[in-house]
Amino acid sequence: RDEIVGSWSHYFDAEQVDGAFLYRDGTVVELNTLLPEGSGWSIKTGEFISDDGHIVGTGYHEGNYRWYLLTPANGDR
């Protein structure tokens, strides 16, 4: 489906800031913006994307480092 997930990292005043993205239809989307408000998640990596659009990566959930499975909402595909 010509979709790519990945991770980015920037340094600001010696502090590292990480995040993950989805590239689709010529647009880059920050994965954290796809989460519902108050989810408790902070996504740090985008590792894999399936043909159905399921994304797997790592992040923090309520302060604990975890793997996640991000499932597209109905109609988002």
Protein backbone atom coordinates (compact mmCIF):
# COMPACT_ATOMS: atom_id res chain seq x y z
CA ARG A 1 0.00 0.00 0.00
CA ASP A 2 3.05 2.29 -0.24
CA GLU A 3 3.06 3.03 3.49
CA ILE A 4 6.16 3.34 5.62
CA VAL A 5 6.60 3.62 9.38
CA GLY A 6 9.74 4.78 11.08
CA SER A 7 11.30 6.63 13.95
CA TRP A 8 12.98 9.99 14.38
CA SER A 9 15.27 11.52 16.98
CA HIS A 10 16.30 15.12 17.63
CA TYR A 11 18.57 16.70 20.20
CA PHE A 12 17.49 19.97 21.84
CA ASP A 13 19.95 21.50 24.30
CA ALA A 14 21.51 18.07 25.00
CA GLU A 15 18.08 16.47 25.53
CA GLN A 16 17.03 13.71 23.14
CA VAL A 17 13.44 13.75 21.85
CA ASP A 18 12.09 10.69 19.99
CA GLY A 19 8.98 9.91 18.02
CA ALA A 20 7.50 7.79 15.26
CA PHE A 21 5.80 8.51 11.95
CA LEU A 22 3.62 7.04 9.22
CA TYR A 23 4.30 8.05 5.61
CA ARG A 24 1.19 7.59 3.45
CA ASP A 25 -0.11 9.29 0.30
CA GLY A 26 2.81 11.74 0.25
CA THR A 27 2.16 12.89 3.82
CA VAL A 28 4.06 12.28 7.05
CA VAL A 29 1.88 11.80 10.13
CA GLU A 30 3.25 11.73 13.69
CA LEU A 31 1.92 8.49 15.23
CA ASN A 32 1.19 10.15 18.58
CA THR A 33 -1.41 12.34 16.83
CA LEU A 34 -3.38 9.19 15.96
CA LEU A 35 -3.93 8.28 19.61
CA PRO A 36 -7.06 9.22 21.52
CA GLU A 37 -6.55 11.99 24.06
CA GLY A 38 -5.76 10.63 27.50
CA SER A 39 -4.59 7.22 26.23
CA GLY A 40 -1.54 7.27 28.52
CA TRP A 41 0.73 6.40 25.57
CA SER A 42 3.81 8.14 24.22
CA ILE A 43 4.89 6.36 21.02
CA LYS A 44 8.66 6.32 20.44
CA THR A 45 9.20 3.93 17.48
CA GLY A 46 7.38 2.66 14.44
CA GLU A 47 8.84 -0.76 13.63
CA PHE A 48 6.45 -2.61 11.31
CA ILE A 49 3.27 -2.04 9.31
CA SER A 50 1.09 -4.84 7.94
CA ASP A 51 -0.80 -4.90 4.66
CA ASP A 52 -3.93 -4.14 6.70
CA GLY A 53 -2.35 -1.03 8.26
CA HIS A 54 -1.65 -2.41 11.74
CA ILE A 55 1.44 -0.72 13.17
CA VAL A 56 3.78 -2.24 15.77
CA GLY A 57 6.42 -0.36 17.70
CA THR A 58 7.54 0.67 21.16
CA GLY A 59 6.63 3.46 23.51
CA TYR A 60 5.73 4.34 27.04
CA HIS A 61 2.36 3.57 28.57
CA GLU A 62 1.86 5.37 31.86
CA GLY A 63 5.66 5.44 32.34
CA ASN A 64 6.30 1.78 31.47
CA TYR A 65 8.20 0.88 28.29
CA ARG A 66 6.01 -1.43 26.16
CA TRP A 67 5.34 -2.77 22.68
CA TYR A 68 2.12 -1.49 21.10
CA LEU A 69 -0.23 -2.52 18.29
CA LEU A 70 -1.92 0.47 16.65
CA THR A 71 -5.03 -0.64 14.76
CA PRO A 72 -6.56 1.64 12.12
CA ALA A 73 -10.03 2.96 12.88
CA ASN A 74 -12.87 1.91 10.58
CA GLY A 75 -12.77 4.02 7.44
CA ASP A 76 -9.15 5.09 8.05
CA ARG A 77 -7.94 2.72 5.33
